Amino acid sequence: MIPNLLTVSIICPTLRTIEQKVAHAAALQIGTANGMLPPMLSNDFTFTKRLLGIVMLVIGIGGFIAILMIDVLDVGREGGIGPSQRIALGAMILVALIGASLIPLGKRPA
């Protein structure tokens, strides 16, 4: 979505001239405000323990569900969950638990 001048005027009422508004709208269009990179692309970005925990929790839960869905959707095969799947399920549970334990640690660097 390309920001128009009305949107920029509402978001940043301190911009006075039309040139400032056009420059700010162009910066928003390419994903940068005031010529700065988004936080994850800047040189001084660090993962916090909370962000790392959320990422690990999502990967653990998603991986667990994906492994179970492999067994559910593979209809032609009999035998249930095998030893490799059990190890993978255990690993996904471990990743999710470690991620959940990192979330309360807050904004300290990981």
N, C-alpha and C. Protein backbone atom coordinates (compact mmCIF):
# COMPACT_ATOMS: atom_id res chain seq x y z
N MET A 1 0.84 -1.18 0.00
CA MET A 1 0.00 0.00 0.00
C MET A 1 0.88 1.24 0.00
N ILE A 2 0.64 2.14 -0.92
CA ILE A 2 1.42 3.36 -1.03
C ILE A 2 0.74 4.43 -0.18
N PRO A 3 1.47 5.01 0.78
CA PRO A 3 0.85 6.05 1.60
C PRO A 3 0.63 7.32 0.78
N ASN A 4 -0.53 7.91 0.96
CA ASN A 4 -0.79 9.15 0.24
C ASN A 4 -0.50 10.33 1.17
N LEU A 5 -0.60 11.52 0.63
CA LEU A 5 -0.25 12.71 1.41
C LEU A 5 -1.21 12.94 2.57
N LEU A 6 -2.48 12.56 2.42
CA LEU A 6 -3.43 12.72 3.52
C LEU A 6 -3.05 11.83 4.68
N THR A 7 -2.67 10.59 4.39
CA THR A 7 -2.25 9.68 5.44
C THR A 7 -1.02 10.20 6.15
N VAL A 8 -0.05 10.68 5.40
CA VAL A 8 1.16 11.23 6.00
C VAL A 8 0.83 12.46 6.82
N SER A 9 -0.10 13.28 6.36
CA SER A 9 -0.48 14.48 7.11
C SER A 9 -1.14 14.12 8.43
N ILE A 10 -1.91 13.05 8.44
CA ILE A 10 -2.58 12.63 9.67
C ILE A 10 -1.58 12.01 10.63
N ILE A 11 -0.68 11.15 10.12
CA ILE A 11 0.29 10.47 10.97
C ILE A 11 1.34 11.43 11.51
N CYS A 12 1.83 12.33 10.69
CA CYS A 12 2.90 13.25 11.07
C CYS A 12 2.44 14.69 10.86
N PRO A 13 1.66 15.25 11.79
CA PRO A 13 1.17 16.61 11.58
C PRO A 13 2.27 17.66 11.69
N THR A 14 3.48 17.30 12.15
CA THR A 14 4.54 18.28 12.28
C THR A 14 5.21 18.63 10.95
N LEU A 15 4.97 17.82 9.92
CA LEU A 15 5.55 18.13 8.61
C LEU A 15 4.78 19.30 8.00
N ARG A 16 5.49 20.36 7.68
CA ARG A 16 4.84 21.60 7.25
C ARG A 16 4.71 21.72 5.73
N THR A 17 5.80 21.54 5.03
CA THR A 17 5.75 21.81 3.59
C THR A 17 5.36 20.55 2.82
N ILE A 18 4.91 20.77 1.61
CA ILE A 18 4.53 19.65 0.75
C ILE A 18 5.75 18.80 0.40
N GLU A 19 6.94 19.42 0.32
CA GLU A 19 8.15 18.67 0.03
C GLU A 19 8.49 17.69 1.16
N GLN A 20 8.31 18.14 2.40
CA GLN A 20 8.54 17.26 3.54
C GLN A 20 7.56 16.09 3.53
N LYS A 21 6.32 16.37 3.20
CA LYS A 21 5.30 15.32 3.19
C LYS A 21 5.57 14.31 2.08
N VAL A 22 5.99 14.80 0.90
CA VAL A 22 6.29 13.89 -0.20
C VAL A 22 7.50 13.03 0.14
N ALA A 23 8.53 13.63 0.73
CA ALA A 23 9.73 12.87 1.09
C ALA A 23 9.39 11.81 2.14
N HIS A 24 8.56 12.18 3.11
CA HIS A 24 8.18 11.22 4.15
C HIS A 24 7.33 10.10 3.56
N ALA A 25 6.43 10.42 2.64
CA ALA A 25 5.60 9.39 2.00
C ALA A 25 6.49 8.45 1.19
N ALA A 26 7.50 8.98 0.52
CA ALA A 26 8.42 8.12 -0.25
C ALA A 26 9.22 7.23 0.68
N ALA A 27 9.64 7.76 1.83
CA ALA A 27 10.39 6.95 2.80
C ALA A 27 9.51 5.84 3.35
N LEU A 28 8.25 6.13 3.61
CA LEU A 28 7.34 5.10 4.11
C LEU A 28 7.08 4.04 3.04
N GLN A 29 7.05 4.45 1.79
CA GLN A 29 6.76 3.52 0.70
C GLN A 29 7.86 2.47 0.57
N ILE A 30 9.11 2.84 0.77
CA ILE A 30 10.19 1.87 0.64
C ILE A 30 10.52 1.22 1.98
N GLY A 31 9.74 1.48 3.00
CA GLY A 31 9.92 0.80 4.28
C GLY A 31 10.85 1.49 5.24
N THR A 32 11.25 2.70 4.94
CA THR A 32 12.12 3.42 5.87
C THR A 32 11.46 4.73 6.23
N ALA A 33 11.54 5.09 7.46
CA ALA A 33 11.03 6.38 7.91
C ALA A 33 12.23 7.25 8.27
N ASN A 34 12.25 8.43 7.80
CA ASN A 34 13.33 9.38 8.05
C ASN A 34 14.68 8.85 7.57
N GLY A 35 14.67 8.02 6.53
CA GLY A 35 15.91 7.52 5.96
C GLY A 35 16.59 6.44 6.77
N MET A 36 15.96 5.93 7.80
CA MET A 36 16.56 4.90 8.64
C MET A 36 16.07 3.53 8.21
N LEU A 37 16.90 2.52 8.42
CA LEU A 37 16.52 1.15 8.11
C LEU A 37 15.51 0.64 9.13
N PRO A 38 14.68 -0.34 8.76
CA PRO A 38 13.83 -0.97 9.75
C PRO A 38 14.71 -1.60 10.84
N PRO A 39 14.20 -1.74 12.06
CA PRO A 39 15.03 -2.19 13.19
C PRO A 39 15.78 -3.50 12.93
N MET A 40 15.16 -4.49 12.28
CA MET A 40 15.83 -5.78 12.11
C MET A 40 16.96 -5.71 11.09
N LEU A 41 16.99 -4.70 10.25
CA LEU A 41 18.04 -4.58 9.25
C LEU A 41 19.15 -3.64 9.67
N SER A 42 19.03 -2.99 10.82
CA SER A 42 20.07 -2.06 11.24
C SER A 42 21.25 -2.83 11.83
N ASN A 43 22.39 -2.18 11.88
CA ASN A 43 23.61 -2.83 12.36
C ASN A 43 23.60 -3.08 13.86
N ASP A 44 22.83 -2.32 14.63
CA ASP A 44 22.85 -2.48 16.08
C ASP A 44 21.67 -3.28 16.62
N PHE A 45 20.98 -4.01 15.76
CA PHE A 45 19.85 -4.84 16.20
C PHE A 45 20.36 -6.10 16.89
N THR A 46 19.80 -6.42 18.04
CA THR A 46 20.11 -7.68 18.71
C THR A 46 18.81 -8.37 19.08
N PHE A 47 18.83 -9.68 19.04
CA PHE A 47 17.67 -10.45 19.48
C PHE A 47 17.56 -10.35 20.99
N THR A 48 16.36 -10.08 21.46
CA THR A 48 16.13 -10.13 22.90
C THR A 48 15.74 -11.55 23.27
N LYS A 49 15.82 -11.84 24.55
CA LYS A 49 15.45 -13.18 25.00
C LYS A 49 13.96 -13.43 24.74
N ARG A 50 13.15 -12.39 24.86
CA ARG A 50 11.72 -12.54 24.60
C ARG A 50 11.46 -12.89 23.14
N LEU A 51 12.10 -12.17 22.22
CA LEU A 51 11.90 -12.44 20.79
C LEU A 51 12.41 -13.82 20.41
N LEU A 52 13.58 -14.20 20.93
CA LEU A 52 14.11 -15.53 20.66
C LEU A 52 13.18 -16.60 21.22
N GLY A 53 12.63 -16.35 22.41
CA GLY A 53 11.70 -17.30 23.01
C GLY A 53 10.43 -17.47 22.20
N ILE A 54 9.90 -16.37 21.69
CA ILE A 54 8.68 -16.45 20.88
C ILE A 54 8.96 -17.20 19.58
N VAL A 55 10.10 -16.93 18.95
CA VAL A 55 10.46 -17.64 17.72
C VAL A 55 10.61 -19.13 17.98
N MET A 56 11.30 -19.49 19.06
CA MET A 56 11.49 -20.91 19.37
C MET A 56 10.17 -21.59 19.73
N LEU A 57 9.29 -20.89 20.45
CA LEU A 57 7.99 -21.46 20.80
C LEU A 57 7.16 -21.72 19.55
N VAL A 58 7.14 -20.78 18.63
CA VAL A 58 6.38 -20.95 17.38
C VAL A 58 6.96 -22.10 16.55
N ILE A 59 8.29 -22.18 16.47
CA ILE A 59 8.92 -23.28 15.72
C ILE A 59 8.61 -24.61 16.38
N GLY A 60 8.67 -24.68 17.70
CA GLY A 60 8.39 -25.93 18.40
C GLY A 60 6.96 -26.40 18.22
N ILE A 61 6.02 -25.49 18.39
CA ILE A 61 4.60 -25.87 18.23
C ILE A 61 4.29 -26.21 16.78
N GLY A 62 4.80 -25.38 15.85
CA GLY A 62 4.57 -25.65 14.42
C GLY A 62 5.19 -26.96 13.97
N GLY A 63 6.40 -27.25 14.44
CA GLY A 63 7.05 -28.50 14.09
C GLY A 63 6.33 -29.70 14.66
N PHE A 64 5.84 -29.58 15.89
CA PHE A 64 5.10 -30.67 16.52
C PHE A 64 3.83 -30.98 15.72
N ILE A 65 3.10 -29.93 15.35
CA ILE A 65 1.88 -30.12 14.57
C ILE A 65 2.20 -30.70 13.19
N ALA A 66 3.28 -30.21 12.57
CA ALA A 66 3.65 -30.72 11.24
C ALA A 66 4.02 -32.20 11.28
N ILE A 67 4.73 -32.61 12.32
CA ILE A 67 5.12 -34.02 12.43
C ILE A 67 3.88 -34.90 12.64
N LEU A 68 2.95 -34.44 13.46
CA LEU A 68 1.72 -35.21 13.64
C LEU A 68 0.89 -35.25 12.35
N MET A 69 0.88 -34.16 11.60
CA MET A 69 0.10 -34.13 10.36
C MET A 69 0.70 -35.05 9.30
N ILE A 70 2.01 -35.25 9.34
CA ILE A 70 2.63 -36.20 8.41
C ILE A 70 2.03 -37.58 8.62
N ASP A 71 1.86 -37.96 9.88
CA ASP A 71 1.30 -39.27 10.18
C ASP A 71 -0.18 -39.34 9.83
N VAL A 72 -0.92 -38.27 10.06
CA VAL A 72 -2.35 -38.26 9.78
C VAL A 72 -2.62 -38.27 8.28
N LEU A 73 -1.86 -37.49 7.51
CA LEU A 73 -2.11 -37.37 6.08
C LEU A 73 -1.51 -38.51 5.25
N ASP A 74 -0.60 -39.25 5.81
CA ASP A 74 0.00 -40.38 5.09
C ASP A 74 -0.88 -41.61 5.29
N VAL A 75 -1.98 -41.66 4.57
CA VAL A 75 -3.03 -42.65 4.79
C VAL A 75 -2.60 -44.05 4.38
N GLY A 76 -1.82 -44.20 3.33
CA GLY A 76 -1.49 -45.51 2.80
C GLY A 76 -0.56 -46.33 3.67
N ARG A 77 0.08 -45.73 4.64
CA ARG A 77 1.07 -46.40 5.45
C ARG A 77 0.47 -46.79 6.79
N GLU A 78 0.83 -47.95 7.28
CA GLU A 78 0.35 -48.39 8.58
C GLU A 78 1.52 -48.43 9.56
N GLY A 79 1.24 -48.40 10.81
CA GLY A 79 2.30 -48.53 11.79
C GLY A 79 2.34 -47.39 12.79
N GLY A 80 1.63 -46.33 12.54
CA GLY A 80 1.59 -45.23 13.51
C GLY A 80 2.87 -44.42 13.54
N ILE A 81 3.15 -43.86 14.71
CA ILE A 81 4.30 -42.99 14.88
C ILE A 81 5.53 -43.85 15.17
N GLY A 82 6.54 -43.72 14.34
CA GLY A 82 7.75 -44.52 14.47
C GLY A 82 8.76 -43.87 15.39
N PRO A 83 9.90 -44.54 15.58
CA PRO A 83 10.92 -44.02 16.49
C PRO A 83 11.52 -42.68 16.04
N SER A 84 11.69 -42.49 14.76
CA SER A 84 12.23 -41.20 14.28
C SER A 84 11.25 -40.07 14.56
N GLN A 85 9.97 -40.35 14.36
CA GLN A 85 8.96 -39.32 14.63
C GLN A 85 8.89 -39.02 16.13
N ARG A 86 9.05 -40.04 16.96
CA ARG A 86 9.03 -39.81 18.42
C ARG A 86 10.21 -38.93 18.84
N ILE A 87 11.37 -39.19 18.27
CA ILE A 87 12.53 -38.35 18.58
C ILE A 87 12.29 -36.92 18.12
N ALA A 88 11.73 -36.75 16.92
CA ALA A 88 11.44 -35.41 16.40
C ALA A 88 10.37 -34.71 17.24
N LEU A 89 9.35 -35.45 17.66
CA LEU A 89 8.32 -34.86 18.53
C LEU A 89 8.93 -34.40 19.85
N GLY A 90 9.81 -35.23 20.42
CA GLY A 90 10.49 -34.86 21.66
C GLY A 90 11.35 -33.63 21.48
N ALA A 91 12.04 -33.55 20.35
CA ALA A 91 12.88 -32.38 20.08
C ALA A 91 12.03 -31.12 19.94
N MET A 92 10.87 -31.22 19.29
CA MET A 92 9.99 -30.06 19.13
C MET A 92 9.42 -29.61 20.47
N ILE A 93 9.09 -30.58 21.33
CA ILE A 93 8.61 -30.23 22.67
C ILE A 93 9.71 -29.51 23.45
N LEU A 94 10.95 -30.01 23.33
CA LEU A 94 12.08 -29.39 24.01
C LEU A 94 12.31 -27.96 23.50
N VAL A 95 12.25 -27.77 22.20
CA VAL A 95 12.42 -26.42 21.62
C VAL A 95 11.32 -25.49 22.13
N ALA A 96 10.07 -25.97 22.16
CA ALA A 96 8.95 -25.15 22.63
C ALA A 96 9.11 -24.80 24.11
N LEU A 97 9.55 -25.76 24.92
CA LEU A 97 9.73 -25.49 26.35
C LEU A 97 10.87 -24.51 26.61
N ILE A 98 11.96 -24.66 25.89
CA ILE A 98 13.06 -23.70 26.04
C ILE A 98 12.60 -22.30 25.61
N GLY A 99 11.85 -22.24 24.50
CA GLY A 99 11.33 -20.95 24.05
C GLY A 99 10.38 -20.33 25.06
N ALA A 100 9.51 -21.15 25.64
CA ALA A 100 8.58 -20.63 26.64
C ALA A 100 9.31 -20.14 27.89
N SER A 101 10.43 -20.78 28.22
CA SER A 101 11.19 -20.34 29.40
C SER A 101 11.97 -19.05 29.14
N LEU A 102 12.24 -18.73 27.88
CA LEU A 102 12.97 -17.49 27.55
C LEU A 102 12.07 -16.26 27.52
N ILE A 103 10.80 -16.44 27.27
CA ILE A 103 9.88 -15.30 27.11
C ILE A 103 9.83 -14.41 28.34
N PRO A 104 9.73 -14.95 29.57
CA PRO A 104 9.65 -14.05 30.74
C PRO A 104 10.93 -13.29 31.05
N LEU A 105 12.05 -13.63 30.42
CA LEU A 105 13.32 -12.99 30.73
C LEU A 105 13.43 -11.57 30.16
N GLY A 106 12.51 -11.19 29.32
CA GLY A 106 12.37 -9.80 28.91
C GLY A 106 13.33 -9.33 27.83
N LYS A 107 13.74 -8.07 27.95
CA LYS A 107 14.43 -7.38 26.87
C LYS A 107 15.95 -7.45 26.96
N ARG A 108 16.45 -8.36 27.76
CA ARG A 108 17.91 -8.54 27.80
C ARG A 108 18.38 -9.19 26.51
N PRO A 109 19.58 -8.86 26.04
CA PRO A 109 20.08 -9.48 24.80
C PRO A 109 20.21 -11.00 24.97
N ALA A 110 19.95 -11.70 23.89
CA ALA A 110 20.03 -13.18 23.95
C ALA A 110 21.46 -13.65 23.79
